[in-house]
Amino acid sequence: MIYGIGIDIVRIQRMRDAHKKWGRKFFEKFLTGNEIAYCYEKKEPYPSISVRFAAKEALIKAIGSEVHVNMKDVEIVNSENGRPWIKVLGRLEKFFNEKEIRSCHLSLSHEKEYGVACVVLEC
């Protein structure tokens, strides 16, 4: 049974501008250390940063307003074959267990100016 669906889109330039203004500390507010390391391995980190931000926003939309989500309790991870998935931590992991959310499907994409993410939660 589907628990929720969320989608979000982010202008990649927004992440570049934020980095120019606040530096890496801006990303540390919503990305985990592992996510930052993954993105900065790329020649151009901003598309990867953008889709991770969009994924976290999409997850929040899929959950609704039932629980406050700390963005650092959500980690976007890539499997060995490159497929992205969501790892939940802390209070959010407890919420997933209480609501019996067993599957969290994630699709990420970026093209030129935008990054987009779609999340489907299943019980």
PDB file of N, CA and C in Angstrom:
ATOM      1  N   MET A   1       0.841  -1.168   0.000  1.00  0.00           N
ATOM      2  CA  MET A   1       0.000   0.000   0.000  1.00  0.00           C
ATOM      3  C   MET A   1       0.897   1.247   0.000  1.00  0.00           C
ATOM      4  N   ILE A   2       0.552   2.226  -0.810  1.00  0.00           N
ATOM      5  CA  ILE A   2       1.334   3.462  -0.878  1.00  0.00           C
ATOM      6  C   ILE A   2       0.989   4.342   0.316  1.00  0.00           C
ATOM      7  N   TYR A   3       2.021   4.759   1.030  1.00  0.00           N
ATOM      8  CA  TYR A   3       1.860   5.653   2.180  1.00  0.00           C
ATOM      9  C   TYR A   3       1.889   7.112   1.737  1.00  0.00           C
ATOM     10  N   GLY A   4       2.777   7.428   0.800  1.00  0.00           N
ATOM     11  CA  GLY A   4       2.872   8.797   0.333  1.00  0.00           C
ATOM     12  C   GLY A   4       3.778   8.934  -0.877  1.00  0.00           C
ATOM     13  N   ILE A   5       3.567  10.026  -1.609  1.00  0.00           N
ATOM     14  CA  ILE A   5       4.363  10.337  -2.794  1.00  0.00           C
ATOM     15  C   ILE A   5       4.800  11.791  -2.683  1.00  0.00           C
ATOM     16  N   GLY A   6       6.041  12.066  -3.033  1.00  0.00           N
ATOM     17  CA  GLY A   6       6.535  13.438  -3.024  1.00  0.00           C
ATOM     18  C   GLY A   6       7.458  13.690  -4.201  1.00  0.00           C
ATOM     19  N   ILE A   7       7.457  14.903  -4.683  1.00  0.00           N
ATOM     20  CA  ILE A   7       8.339  15.299  -5.776  1.00  0.00           C
ATOM     21  C   ILE A   7       8.850  16.702  -5.487  1.00  0.00           C
ATOM     22  N   ASP A   8      10.090  16.980  -5.890  1.00  0.00           N
ATOM     23  CA  ASP A   8      10.642  18.314  -5.703  1.00  0.00           C
ATOM     24  C   ASP A   8      11.628  18.604  -6.825  1.00  0.00           C
ATOM     25  N   ILE A   9      11.757  19.880  -7.150  1.00  0.00           N
ATOM     26  CA  ILE A   9      12.674  20.336  -8.189  1.00  0.00           C
ATOM     27  C   ILE A   9      13.486  21.504  -7.640  1.00  0.00           C
ATOM     28  N   VAL A  10      14.769  21.538  -7.983  1.00  0.00           N
ATOM     29  CA  VAL A  10      15.676  22.568  -7.469  1.00  0.00           C
ATOM     30  C   VAL A  10      16.496  23.124  -8.634  1.00  0.00           C
ATOM     31  N   ARG A  11      16.608  24.438  -8.700  1.00  0.00           N
ATOM     32  CA  ARG A  11      17.509  25.075  -9.664  1.00  0.00           C
ATOM     33  C   ARG A  11      18.948  24.855  -9.208  1.00  0.00           C
ATOM     34  N   ILE A  12      19.759  24.273 -10.051  1.00  0.00           N
ATOM     35  CA  ILE A  12      21.145  23.971  -9.703  1.00  0.00           C
ATOM     36  C   ILE A  12      21.916  25.255  -9.386  1.00  0.00           C
ATOM     37  N   GLN A  13      21.617  26.331 -10.100  1.00  0.00           N
ATOM     38  CA  GLN A  13      22.290  27.605  -9.857  1.00  0.00           C
ATOM     39  C   GLN A  13      22.056  28.084  -8.426  1.00  0.00           C
ATOM     40  N   ARG A  14      20.929  27.744  -7.855  1.00  0.00           N
ATOM     41  CA  ARG A  14      20.625  28.108  -6.459  1.00  0.00           C
ATOM     42  C   ARG A  14      21.689  27.551  -5.513  1.00  0.00           C
ATOM     43  N   MET A  15      22.137  26.327  -5.760  1.00  0.00           N
ATOM     44  CA  MET A  15      23.163  25.708  -4.925  1.00  0.00           C
ATOM     45  C   MET A  15      24.525  26.365  -5.151  1.00  0.00           C
ATOM     46  N   ARG A  16      24.824  26.703  -6.392  1.00  0.00           N
ATOM     47  CA  ARG A  16      26.077  27.425  -6.684  1.00  0.00           C
ATOM     48  C   ARG A  16      26.098  28.765  -5.950  1.00  0.00           C
ATOM     49  N   ASP A  17      24.989  29.504  -6.053  1.00  0.00           N
ATOM     50  CA  ASP A  17      24.897  30.824  -5.421  1.00  0.00           C
ATOM     51  C   ASP A  17      25.031  30.724  -3.902  1.00  0.00           C
ATOM     52  N   ALA A  18      24.379  29.716  -3.318  1.00  0.00           N
ATOM     53  CA  ALA A  18      24.458  29.525  -1.864  1.00  0.00           C
ATOM     54  C   ALA A  18      25.894  29.212  -1.449  1.00  0.00           C
ATOM     55  N   HIS A  19      26.587  28.415  -2.250  1.00  0.00           N
ATOM     56  CA  HIS A  19      27.975  28.074  -1.951  1.00  0.00           C
ATOM     57  C   HIS A  19      28.868  29.310  -2.013  1.00  0.00           C
ATOM     58  N   LYS A  20      28.642  30.156  -3.016  1.00  0.00           N
ATOM     59  CA  LYS A  20      29.419  31.396  -3.126  1.00  0.00           C
ATOM     60  C   LYS A  20      29.190  32.291  -1.913  1.00  0.00           C
ATOM     61  N   LYS A  21      27.945  32.344  -1.458  1.00  0.00           N
ATOM     62  CA  LYS A  21      27.587  33.246  -0.363  1.00  0.00           C
ATOM     63  C   LYS A  21      28.019  32.724   1.001  1.00  0.00           C
ATOM     64  N   TRP A  22      27.768  31.434   1.285  1.00  0.00           N
ATOM     65  CA  TRP A  22      27.990  30.892   2.622  1.00  0.00           C
ATOM     66  C   TRP A  22      29.073  29.818   2.696  1.00  0.00           C
ATOM     67  N   GLY A  23      29.583  29.390   1.561  1.00  0.00           N
ATOM     68  CA  GLY A  23      30.597  28.345   1.563  1.00  0.00           C
ATOM     69  C   GLY A  23      30.011  26.974   1.847  1.00  0.00           C
ATOM     70  N   ARG A  24      30.879  26.056   2.157  1.00  0.00           N
ATOM     71  CA  ARG A  24      30.483  24.656   2.387  1.00  0.00           C
ATOM     72  C   ARG A  24      29.585  24.502   3.617  1.00  0.00           C
ATOM     73  N   LYS A  25      29.660  25.444   4.548  1.00  0.00           N
ATOM     74  CA  LYS A  25      28.830  25.366   5.761  1.00  0.00           C
ATOM     75  C   LYS A  25      27.345  25.301   5.429  1.00  0.00           C
ATOM     76  N   PHE A  26      26.951  25.949   4.336  1.00  0.00           N
ATOM     77  CA  PHE A  26      25.541  25.891   3.917  1.00  0.00           C
ATOM     78  C   PHE A  26      25.121  24.449   3.663  1.00  0.00           C
ATOM     79  N   PHE A  27      25.966  23.688   2.944  1.00  0.00           N
ATOM     80  CA  PHE A  27      25.644  22.300   2.634  1.00  0.00           C
ATOM     81  C   PHE A  27      25.645  21.424   3.883  1.00  0.00           C
ATOM     82  N   GLU A  28      26.489  21.766   4.858  1.00  0.00           N
ATOM     83  CA  GLU A  28      26.567  20.991   6.091  1.00  0.00           C
ATOM     84  C   GLU A  28      25.284  21.090   6.916  1.00  0.00           C
ATOM     85  N   LYS A  29      24.412  22.029   6.598  1.00  0.00           N
ATOM     86  CA  LYS A  29      23.138  22.156   7.306  1.00  0.00           C
ATOM     87  C   LYS A  29      22.145  21.067   6.902  1.00  0.00           C
ATOM     88  N   PHE A  30      22.267  20.551   5.675  1.00  0.00           N
ATOM     89  CA  PHE A  30      21.287  19.567   5.220  1.00  0.00           C
ATOM     90  C   PHE A  30      21.893  18.296   4.620  1.00  0.00           C
ATOM     91  N   LEU A  31      23.194  18.259   4.412  1.00  0.00           N
ATOM     92  CA  LEU A  31      23.834  17.054   3.886  1.00  0.00           C
ATOM     93  C   LEU A  31      24.683  16.392   4.967  1.00  0.00           C
ATOM     94  N   THR A  32      24.735  15.071   4.937  1.00  0.00           N
ATOM     95  CA  THR A  32      25.618  14.341   5.850  1.00  0.00           C
ATOM     96  C   THR A  32      27.045  14.411   5.312  1.00  0.00           C
ATOM     97  N   GLY A  33      28.000  14.045   6.143  1.00  0.00           N
ATOM     98  CA  GLY A  33      29.397  14.014   5.715  1.00  0.00           C
ATOM     99  C   GLY A  33      29.607  13.096   4.522  1.00  0.00           C
ATOM    100  N   ASN A  34      28.933  11.946   4.525  1.00  0.00           N
ATOM    101  CA  ASN A  34      29.050  11.009   3.403  1.00  0.00           C
ATOM    102  C   ASN A  34      28.519  11.617   2.110  1.00  0.00           C
ATOM    103  N   GLU A  35      27.406  12.344   2.205  1.00  0.00           N
ATOM    104  CA  GLU A  35      26.825  12.973   1.016  1.00  0.00           C
ATOM    105  C   GLU A  35      27.751  14.064   0.468  1.00  0.00           C
ATOM    106  N   ILE A  36      28.306  14.859   1.354  1.00  0.00           N
ATOM    107  CA  ILE A  36      29.222  15.920   0.923  1.00  0.00           C
ATOM    108  C   ILE A  36      30.434  15.306   0.226  1.00  0.00           C
ATOM    109  N   ALA A  37      31.000  14.265   0.816  1.00  0.00           N
ATOM    110  CA  ALA A  37      32.161  13.598   0.209  1.00  0.00           C
ATOM    111  C   ALA A  37      31.810  13.058  -1.171  1.00  0.00           C
ATOM    112  N   TYR A  38      30.648  12.413  -1.307  1.00  0.00           N
ATOM    113  CA  TYR A  38      30.220  11.859  -2.597  1.00  0.00           C
ATOM    114  C   TYR A  38      30.095  12.964  -3.648  1.00  0.00           C
ATOM    115  N   CYS A  39      29.438  14.063  -3.287  1.00  0.00           N
ATOM    116  CA  CYS A  39      29.207  15.156  -4.240  1.00  0.00           C
ATOM    117  C   CYS A  39      30.511  15.823  -4.663  1.00  0.00           C
ATOM    118  N   TYR A  40      31.428  15.991  -3.721  1.00  0.00           N
ATOM    119  CA  TYR A  40      32.684  16.667  -4.035  1.00  0.00           C
ATOM    120  C   TYR A  40      33.683  15.770  -4.760  1.00  0.00           C
ATOM    121  N   GLU A  41      33.361  14.488  -4.896  1.00  0.00           N
ATOM    122  CA  GLU A  41      34.185  13.622  -5.751  1.00  0.00           C
ATOM    123  C   GLU A  41      33.923  13.923  -7.225  1.00  0.00           C
ATOM    124  N   LYS A  42      32.792  14.537  -7.491  1.00  0.00           N
ATOM    125  CA  LYS A  42      32.389  14.863  -8.866  1.00  0.00           C
ATOM    126  C   LYS A  42      33.124  16.109  -9.347  1.00  0.00           C
ATOM    127  N   LYS A  43      33.355  16.191 -10.635  1.00  0.00           N
ATOM    128  CA  LYS A  43      33.971  17.381 -11.224  1.00  0.00           C
ATOM    129  C   LYS A  43      33.072  18.598 -10.968  1.00  0.00           C
ATOM    130  N   GLU A  44      31.774  18.401 -11.109  1.00  0.00           N
ATOM    131  CA  GLU A  44      30.770  19.440 -10.890  1.00  0.00           C
ATOM    132  C   GLU A  44      29.834  18.935  -9.781  1.00  0.00           C
ATOM    133  N   PRO A  45      30.006  19.377  -8.527  1.00  0.00           N
ATOM    134  CA  PRO A  45      29.227  18.828  -7.414  1.00  0.00           C
ATOM    135  C   PRO A  45      27.777  19.330  -7.319  1.00  0.00           C
ATOM    136  N   TYR A  46      27.488  20.466  -7.932  1.00  0.00           N
ATOM    137  CA  TYR A  46      26.185  21.101  -7.693  1.00  0.00           C
ATOM    138  C   TYR A  46      24.973  20.313  -8.200  1.00  0.00           C
ATOM    139  N   PRO A  47      25.034  19.624  -9.343  1.00  0.00           N
ATOM    140  CA  PRO A  47      23.880  18.795  -9.714  1.00  0.00           C
ATOM    141  C   PRO A  47      23.594  17.700  -8.677  1.00  0.00           C
ATOM    142  N   SER A  48      24.648  17.064  -8.166  1.00  0.00           N
ATOM    143  CA  SER A  48      24.459  16.010  -7.156  1.00  0.00           C
ATOM    144  C   SER A  48      23.930  16.579  -5.849  1.00  0.00           C
ATOM    145  N   ILE A  49      24.425  17.744  -5.471  1.00  0.00           N
ATOM    146  CA  ILE A  49      23.927  18.398  -4.260  1.00  0.00           C
ATOM    147  C   ILE A  49      22.453  18.767  -4.441  1.00  0.00           C
ATOM    148  N   SER A  50      22.126  19.292  -5.607  1.00  0.00           N
ATOM    149  CA  SER A  50      20.749  19.719  -5.888  1.00  0.00           C
ATOM    150  C   SER A  50      19.755  18.563  -5.808  1.00  0.00           C
ATOM    151  N   VAL A  51      20.101  17.416  -6.409  1.00  0.00           N
ATOM    152  CA  VAL A  51      19.156  16.296  -6.376  1.00  0.00           C
ATOM    153  C   VAL A  51      19.032  15.709  -4.976  1.00  0.00           C
ATOM    154  N   ARG A  52      20.085  15.790  -4.177  1.00  0.00           N
ATOM    155  CA  ARG A  52      19.987  15.304  -2.800  1.00  0.00           C
ATOM    156  C   ARG A  52      19.078  16.209  -1.967  1.00  0.00           C
ATOM    157  N   PHE A  53      19.206  17.512  -2.170  1.00  0.00           N
ATOM    158  CA  PHE A  53      18.299  18.436  -1.497  1.00  0.00           C
ATOM    159  C   PHE A  53      16.858  18.175  -1.947  1.00  0.00           C
ATOM    160  N   ALA A  54      16.658  18.016  -3.258  1.00  0.00           N
ATOM    161  CA  ALA A  54      15.321  17.741  -3.792  1.00  0.00           C
ATOM    162  C   ALA A  54      14.768  16.427  -3.237  1.00  0.00           C
ATOM    163  N   ALA A  55      15.615  15.406  -3.093  1.00  0.00           N
ATOM    164  CA  ALA A  55      15.163  14.116  -2.566  1.00  0.00           C
ATOM    165  C   ALA A  55      14.667  14.252  -1.133  1.00  0.00           C
ATOM    166  N   LYS A  56      15.378  15.032  -0.335  1.00  0.00           N
ATOM    167  CA  LYS A  56      14.980  15.218   1.058  1.00  0.00           C
ATOM    168  C   LYS A  56      13.667  15.993   1.138  1.00  0.00           C
ATOM    169  N   GLU A  57      13.510  16.994   0.296  1.00  0.00           N
ATOM    170  CA  GLU A  57      12.257  17.748   0.246  1.00  0.00           C
ATOM    171  C   GLU A  57      11.110  16.855  -0.236  1.00  0.00           C
ATOM    172  N   ALA A  58      11.367  16.020  -1.236  1.00  0.00           N
ATOM    173  CA  ALA A  58      10.344  15.101  -1.735  1.00  0.00           C
ATOM    174  C   ALA A  58       9.930  14.105  -0.651  1.00  0.00           C
ATOM    175  N   LEU A  59      10.892  13.628   0.117  1.00  0.00           N
ATOM    176  CA  LEU A  59      10.577  12.717   1.223  1.00  0.00           C
ATOM    177  C   LEU A  59       9.691  13.408   2.260  1.00  0.00           C
ATOM    178  N   ILE A  60      10.019  14.642   2.585  1.00  0.00           N
ATOM    179  CA  ILE A  60       9.205  15.399   3.542  1.00  0.00           C
ATOM    180  C   ILE A  60       7.774  15.537   3.023  1.00  0.00           C
ATOM    181  N   LYS A  61       7.617  15.793   1.737  1.00  0.00           N
ATOM    182  CA  LYS A  61       6.281  15.901   1.137  1.00  0.00           C
ATOM    183  C   LYS A  61       5.546  14.564   1.177  1.00  0.00           C
ATOM    184  N   ALA A  62       6.277  13.466   0.948  1.00  0.00           N
ATOM    185  CA  ALA A  62       5.657  12.141   0.976  1.00  0.00           C
ATOM    186  C   ALA A  62       5.171  11.772   2.377  1.00  0.00           C
ATOM    187  N   ILE A  63       5.888  12.236   3.388  1.00  0.00           N
ATOM    188  CA  ILE A  63       5.511  11.956   4.777  1.00  0.00           C
ATOM    189  C   ILE A  63       4.334  12.805   5.206  1.00  0.00           C
ATOM    190  N   GLY A  64       4.290  14.032   4.733  1.00  0.00           N
ATOM    191  CA  GLY A  64       3.255  14.959   5.185  1.00  0.00           C
ATOM    192  C   GLY A  64       3.736  15.652   6.444  1.00  0.00           C
ATOM    193  N   SER A  65       2.824  16.150   7.216  1.00  0.00           N
ATOM    194  CA  SER A  65       3.200  16.927   8.408  1.00  0.00           C
ATOM    195  C   SER A  65       3.137  16.110   9.699  1.00  0.00           C
ATOM    196  N   GLU A  66       3.221  14.807   9.575  1.00  0.00           N
ATOM    197  CA  GLU A  66       3.078  13.946  10.754  1.00  0.00           C
ATOM    198  C   GLU A  66       4.274  13.968  11.693  1.00  0.00           C
ATOM    199  N   VAL A  67       5.443  14.322  11.176  1.00  0.00           N
ATOM    200  CA  VAL A  67       6.646  14.322  12.005  1.00  0.00           C
ATOM    201  C   VAL A  67       7.607  15.376  11.461  1.00  0.00           C
ATOM    202  N   HIS A  68       8.316  16.048  12.366  1.00  0.00           N
ATOM    203  CA  HIS A  68       9.351  16.991  11.940  1.00  0.00           C
ATOM    204  C   HIS A  68      10.538  16.188  11.428  1.00  0.00           C
ATOM    205  N   VAL A  69      11.050  16.569  10.273  1.00  0.00           N
ATOM    206  CA  VAL A  69      12.171  15.855   9.672  1.00  0.00           C
ATOM    207  C   VAL A  69      13.416  16.732   9.730  1.00  0.00           C
ATOM    208  N   ASN A  70      14.435  16.220  10.398  1.00  0.00           N
ATOM    209  CA  ASN A  70      15.751  16.828  10.362  1.00  0.00           C
ATOM    210  C   ASN A  70      16.415  16.296   9.089  1.00  0.00           C
ATOM    211  N   MET A  71      16.809  17.183   8.199  1.00  0.00           N
ATOM    212  CA  MET A  71      17.364  16.743   6.911  1.00  0.00           C
ATOM    213  C   MET A  71      18.617  15.884   7.058  1.00  0.00           C
ATOM    214  N   LYS A  72      19.308  16.002   8.178  1.00  0.00           N
ATOM    215  CA  LYS A  72      20.496  15.173   8.374  1.00  0.00           C
ATOM    216  C   LYS A  72      20.131  13.781   8.892  1.00  0.00           C
ATOM    217  N   ASP A  73      18.834  13.540   9.157  1.00  0.00           N
ATOM    218  CA  ASP A  73      18.349  12.200   9.473  1.00  0.00           C
ATOM    219  C   ASP A  73      17.961  11.446   8.208  1.00  0.00           C
ATOM    220  N   VAL A  74      18.234  12.056   7.073  1.00  0.00           N
ATOM    221  CA  VAL A  74      17.969  11.452   5.767  1.00  0.00           C
ATOM    222  C   VAL A  74      19.293  11.459   5.012  1.00  0.00           C
ATOM    223  N   GLU A  75      19.712  10.287   4.553  1.00  0.00           N
ATOM    224  CA  GLU A  75      20.948  10.210   3.782  1.00  0.00           C
ATOM    225  C   GLU A  75      20.660   9.553   2.442  1.00  0.00           C
ATOM    226  N   ILE A  76      21.059  10.234   1.369  1.00  0.00           N
ATOM    227  CA  ILE A  76      20.894   9.680   0.034  1.00  0.00           C
ATOM    228  C   ILE A  76      22.178   8.914  -0.289  1.00  0.00           C
ATOM    229  N   VAL A  77      22.011   7.639  -0.542  1.00  0.00           N
ATOM    230  CA  VAL A  77      23.134   6.724  -0.742  1.00  0.00           C
ATOM    231  C   VAL A  77      23.004   6.108  -2.129  1.00  0.00           C
ATOM    232  N   ASN A  78      24.140   5.813  -2.753  1.00  0.00           N
ATOM    233  CA  ASN A  78      24.116   5.110  -4.028  1.00  0.00           C
ATOM    234  C   ASN A  78      24.645   3.700  -3.833  1.00  0.00           C
ATOM    235  N   SER A  79      23.918   2.735  -4.396  1.00  0.00           N
ATOM    236  CA  SER A  79      24.395   1.351  -4.335  1.00  0.00           C
ATOM    237  C   SER A  79      25.593   1.201  -5.274  1.00  0.00           C
ATOM    238  N   GLU A  80      26.209   0.052  -5.273  1.00  0.00           N
ATOM    239  CA  GLU A  80      27.381  -0.186  -6.116  1.00  0.00           C
ATOM    240  C   GLU A  80      27.068   0.005  -7.600  1.00  0.00           C
ATOM    241  N   ASN A  81      25.821  -0.287  -7.987  1.00  0.00           N
ATOM    242  CA  ASN A  81      25.454  -0.121  -9.397  1.00  0.00           C
ATOM    243  C   ASN A  81      24.948   1.297  -9.705  1.00  0.00           C
ATOM    244  N   GLY A  82      25.015   2.195  -8.700  1.00  0.00           N
ATOM    245  CA  GLY A  82      24.649   3.591  -8.915  1.00  0.00           C
ATOM    246  C   GLY A  82      23.222   3.958  -8.558  1.00  0.00           C
ATOM    247  N   ARG A  83      22.412   2.977  -8.215  1.00  0.00           N
ATOM    248  CA  ARG A  83      21.007   3.243  -7.896  1.00  0.00           C
ATOM    249  C   ARG A  83      20.907   3.993  -6.563  1.00  0.00           C
ATOM    250  N   PRO A  84      20.203   5.124  -6.550  1.00  0.00           N
ATOM    251  CA  PRO A  84      20.068   5.872  -5.297  1.00  0.00           C
ATOM    252  C   PRO A  84      18.990   5.275  -4.396  1.00  0.00           C
ATOM    253  N   TRP A  85      19.208   5.370  -3.115  1.00  0.00           N
ATOM    254  CA  TRP A  85      18.202   4.955  -2.140  1.00  0.00           C
ATOM    255  C   TRP A  85      18.322   5.842  -0.909  1.00  0.00           C
ATOM    256  N   ILE A  86      17.293   5.796  -0.087  1.00  0.00           N
ATOM    257  CA  ILE A  86      17.230   6.658   1.086  1.00  0.00           C
ATOM    258  C   ILE A  86      17.476   5.845   2.344  1.00  0.00           C
ATOM    259  N   LYS A  87      18.412   6.328   3.138  1.00  0.00           N
ATOM    260  CA  LYS A  87      18.700   5.740   4.450  1.00  0.00           C
ATOM    261  C   LYS A  87      18.144   6.723   5.485  1.00  0.00           C
ATOM    262  N   VAL A  88      17.265   6.226   6.366  1.00  0.00           N
ATOM    263  CA  VAL A  88      16.689   7.097   7.398  1.00  0.00           C
ATOM    264  C   VAL A  88      17.344   6.805   8.737  1.00  0.00           C
ATOM    265  N   LEU A  89      17.528   7.850   9.513  1.00  0.00           N
ATOM    266  CA  LEU A  89      18.217   7.762  10.797  1.00  0.00           C
ATOM    267  C   LEU A  89      17.383   8.439  11.877  1.00  0.00           C
ATOM    268  N   GLY A  90      17.803   8.276  13.119  1.00  0.00           N
ATOM    269  CA  GLY A  90      17.219   9.011  14.240  1.00  0.00           C
ATOM    270  C   GLY A  90      15.712   8.895  14.379  1.00  0.00           C
ATOM    271  N   ARG A  91      15.074  10.035  14.662  1.00  0.00           N
ATOM    272  CA  ARG A  91      13.625  10.083  14.883  1.00  0.00           C
ATOM    273  C   ARG A  91      12.858   9.596  13.657  1.00  0.00           C
ATOM    274  N   LEU A  92      13.391   9.860  12.480  1.00  0.00           N
ATOM    275  CA  LEU A  92      12.715   9.450  11.249  1.00  0.00           C
ATOM    276  C   LEU A  92      12.700   7.927  11.099  1.00  0.00           C
ATOM    277  N   GLU A  93      13.771   7.275  11.508  1.00  0.00           N
ATOM    278  CA  GLU A  93      13.800   5.804  11.468  1.00  0.00           C
ATOM    279  C   GLU A  93      12.727   5.236  12.397  1.00  0.00           C
ATOM    280  N   LYS A  94      12.577   5.835  13.566  1.00  0.00           N
ATOM    281  CA  LYS A  94      11.539   5.406  14.510  1.00  0.00           C
ATOM    282  C   LYS A  94      10.150   5.613  13.906  1.00  0.00           C
ATOM    283  N   PHE A  95       9.939   6.756  13.251  1.00  0.00           N
ATOM    284  CA  PHE A  95       8.664   7.048  12.599  1.00  0.00           C
ATOM    285  C   PHE A  95       8.359   6.011  11.512  1.00  0.00           C
ATOM    286  N   PHE A  96       9.355   5.667  10.688  1.00  0.00           N
ATOM    287  CA  PHE A  96       9.161   4.662   9.642  1.00  0.00           C
ATOM    288  C   PHE A  96       8.739   3.330  10.259  1.00  0.00           C
ATOM    289  N   ASN A  97       9.368   2.951  11.357  1.00  0.00           N
ATOM    290  CA  ASN A  97       9.008   1.691  12.019  1.00  0.00           C
ATOM    291  C   ASN A  97       7.592   1.743  12.578  1.00  0.00           C
ATOM    292  N   GLU A  98       7.222   2.851  13.214  1.00  0.00           N
ATOM    293  CA  GLU A  98       5.870   2.997  13.773  1.00  0.00           C
ATOM    294  C   GLU A  98       4.799   2.927  12.690  1.00  0.00           C
ATOM    295  N   LYS A  99       5.048   3.545  11.549  1.00  0.00           N
ATOM    296  CA  LYS A  99       4.074   3.581  10.444  1.00  0.00           C
ATOM    297  C   LYS A  99       4.209   2.381   9.515  1.00  0.00           C
ATOM    298  N   GLU A 100       5.162   1.507   9.833  1.00  0.00           N
ATOM    299  CA  GLU A 100       5.429   0.309   9.043  1.00  0.00           C
ATOM    300  C   GLU A 100       5.749   0.640   7.585  1.00  0.00           C
ATOM    301  N   ILE A 101       6.504   1.698   7.377  1.00  0.00           N
ATOM    302  CA  ILE A 101       6.975   2.057   6.039  1.00  0.00           C
ATOM    303  C   ILE A 101       8.173   1.158   5.744  1.00  0.00           C
ATOM    304  N   ARG A 102       8.011   0.279   4.780  1.00  0.00           N
ATOM    305  CA  ARG A 102       9.024  -0.738   4.512  1.00  0.00           C
ATOM    306  C   ARG A 102       9.825  -0.478   3.244  1.00  0.00           C
ATOM    307  N   SER A 103       9.270   0.291   2.307  1.00  0.00           N
ATOM    308  CA  SER A 103       9.982   0.576   1.063  1.00  0.00           C
ATOM    309  C   SER A 103       9.950   2.073   0.802  1.00  0.00           C
ATOM    310  N   CYS A 104      11.072   2.575   0.366  1.00  0.00           N
ATOM    311  CA  CYS A 104      11.212   3.994   0.047  1.00  0.00           C
ATOM    312  C   CYS A 104      11.864   4.066  -1.334  1.00  0.00           C
ATOM    313  N   HIS A 105      11.055   4.259  -2.362  1.00  0.00           N
ATOM    314  CA  HIS A 105      11.561   4.302  -3.731  1.00  0.00           C
ATOM    315  C   HIS A 105      12.000   5.721  -4.063  1.00  0.00           C
ATOM    316  N   LEU A 106      13.134   5.838  -4.750  1.00  0.00           N
ATOM    317  CA  LEU A 106      13.695   7.145  -5.053  1.00  0.00           C
ATOM    318  C   LEU A 106      14.174   7.187  -6.500  1.00  0.00           C
ATOM    319  N   SER A 107      13.815   8.260  -7.188  1.00  0.00           N
ATOM    320  CA  SER A 107      14.324   8.512  -8.527  1.00  0.00           C
ATOM    321  C   SER A 107      14.892   9.931  -8.557  1.00  0.00           C
ATOM    322  N   LEU A 108      16.107  10.063  -9.076  1.00  0.00           N
ATOM    323  CA  LEU A 108      16.786  11.352  -9.170  1.00  0.00           C
ATOM    324  C   LEU A 108      17.141  11.630 -10.626  1.00  0.00           C
ATOM    325  N   SER A 109      17.106  12.912 -11.004  1.00  0.00           N
ATOM    326  CA  SER A 109      17.520  13.288 -12.337  1.00  0.00           C
ATOM    327  C   SER A 109      17.966  14.742 -12.335  1.00  0.00           C
ATOM    328  N   HIS A 110      18.929  15.062 -13.186  1.00  0.00           N
ATOM    329  CA  HIS A 110      19.307  16.461 -13.363  1.00  0.00           C
ATOM    330  C   HIS A 110      19.661  16.693 -14.822  1.00  0.00           C
ATOM    331  N   GLU A 111      19.345  17.892 -15.261  1.00  0.00           N
ATOM    332  CA  GLU A 111      19.586  18.278 -16.645  1.00  0.00           C
ATOM    333  C   GLU A 111      19.796  19.778 -16.703  1.00  0.00           C
ATOM    334  N   LYS A 112      20.947  20.183 -17.158  1.00  0.00           N
ATOM    335  CA  LYS A 112      21.329  21.587 -17.319  1.00  0.00           C
ATOM    336  C   LYS A 112      21.017  22.443 -16.100  1.00  0.00           C
ATOM    337  N   GLU A 113      19.806  22.955 -15.985  1.00  0.00           N
ATOM    338  CA  GLU A 113      19.475  23.938 -14.949  1.00  0.00           C
ATOM    339  C   GLU A 113      18.795  23.374 -13.705  1.00  0.00           C
ATOM    340  N   TYR A 114      18.251  22.162 -13.781  1.00  0.00           N
ATOM    341  CA  TYR A 114      17.420  21.671 -12.684  1.00  0.00           C
ATOM    342  C   TYR A 114      17.793  20.267 -12.232  1.00  0.00           C
ATOM    343  N   GLY A 115      17.537  20.033 -10.952  1.00  0.00           N
ATOM    344  CA  GLY A 115      17.616  18.708 -10.365  1.00  0.00           C
ATOM    345  C   GLY A 115      16.238  18.358  -9.846  1.00  0.00           C
ATOM    346  N   VAL A 116      15.813  17.124 -10.019  1.00  0.00           N
ATOM    347  CA  VAL A 116      14.480  16.723  -9.592  1.00  0.00           C
ATOM    348  C   VAL A 116      14.559  15.366  -8.886  1.00  0.00           C
ATOM    349  N   ALA A 117      13.649  15.166  -7.934  1.00  0.00           N
ATOM    350  CA  ALA A 117      13.586  13.896  -7.202  1.00  0.00           C
ATOM    351  C   ALA A 117      12.126  13.512  -6.985  1.00  0.00           C
ATOM    352  N   CYS A 118      11.887  12.220  -7.024  1.00  0.00           N
ATOM    353  CA  CYS A 118      10.562  11.677  -6.732  1.00  0.00           C
ATOM    354  C   CYS A 118      10.719  10.558  -5.710  1.00  0.00           C
ATOM    355  N   VAL A 119       9.852  10.563  -4.693  1.00  0.00           N
ATOM    356  CA  VAL A 119       9.895   9.573  -3.627  1.00  0.00           C
ATOM    357  C   VAL A 119       8.512   8.916  -3.510  1.00  0.00           C
ATOM    358  N   VAL A 120       8.502   7.602  -3.399  1.00  0.00           N
ATOM    359  CA  VAL A 120       7.267   6.850  -3.136  1.00  0.00           C
ATOM    360  C   VAL A 120       7.528   5.992  -1.903  1.00  0.00           C
ATOM    361  N   LEU A 121       6.678   6.155  -0.897  1.00  0.00           N
ATOM    362  CA  LEU A 121       6.779   5.366   0.348  1.00  0.00           C
ATOM    363  C   LEU A 121       5.705   4.299   0.338  1.00  0.00           C
ATOM    364  N   GLU A 122       6.100   3.067   0.714  1.00  0.00           N
ATOM    365  CA  GLU A 122       5.169   1.944   0.779  1.00  0.00           C
ATOM    366  C   GLU A 122       5.145   1.337   2.170  1.00  0.00           C
ATOM    367  N   CYS A 123       3.951   0.946   2.593  1.00  0.00           N
ATOM    368  CA  CYS A 123       3.774   0.204   3.857  1.00  0.00           C
ATOM    369  C   CYS A 123       3.766  -1.265   3.554  1.00  0.00           C
TER     370      CYS A 123
END
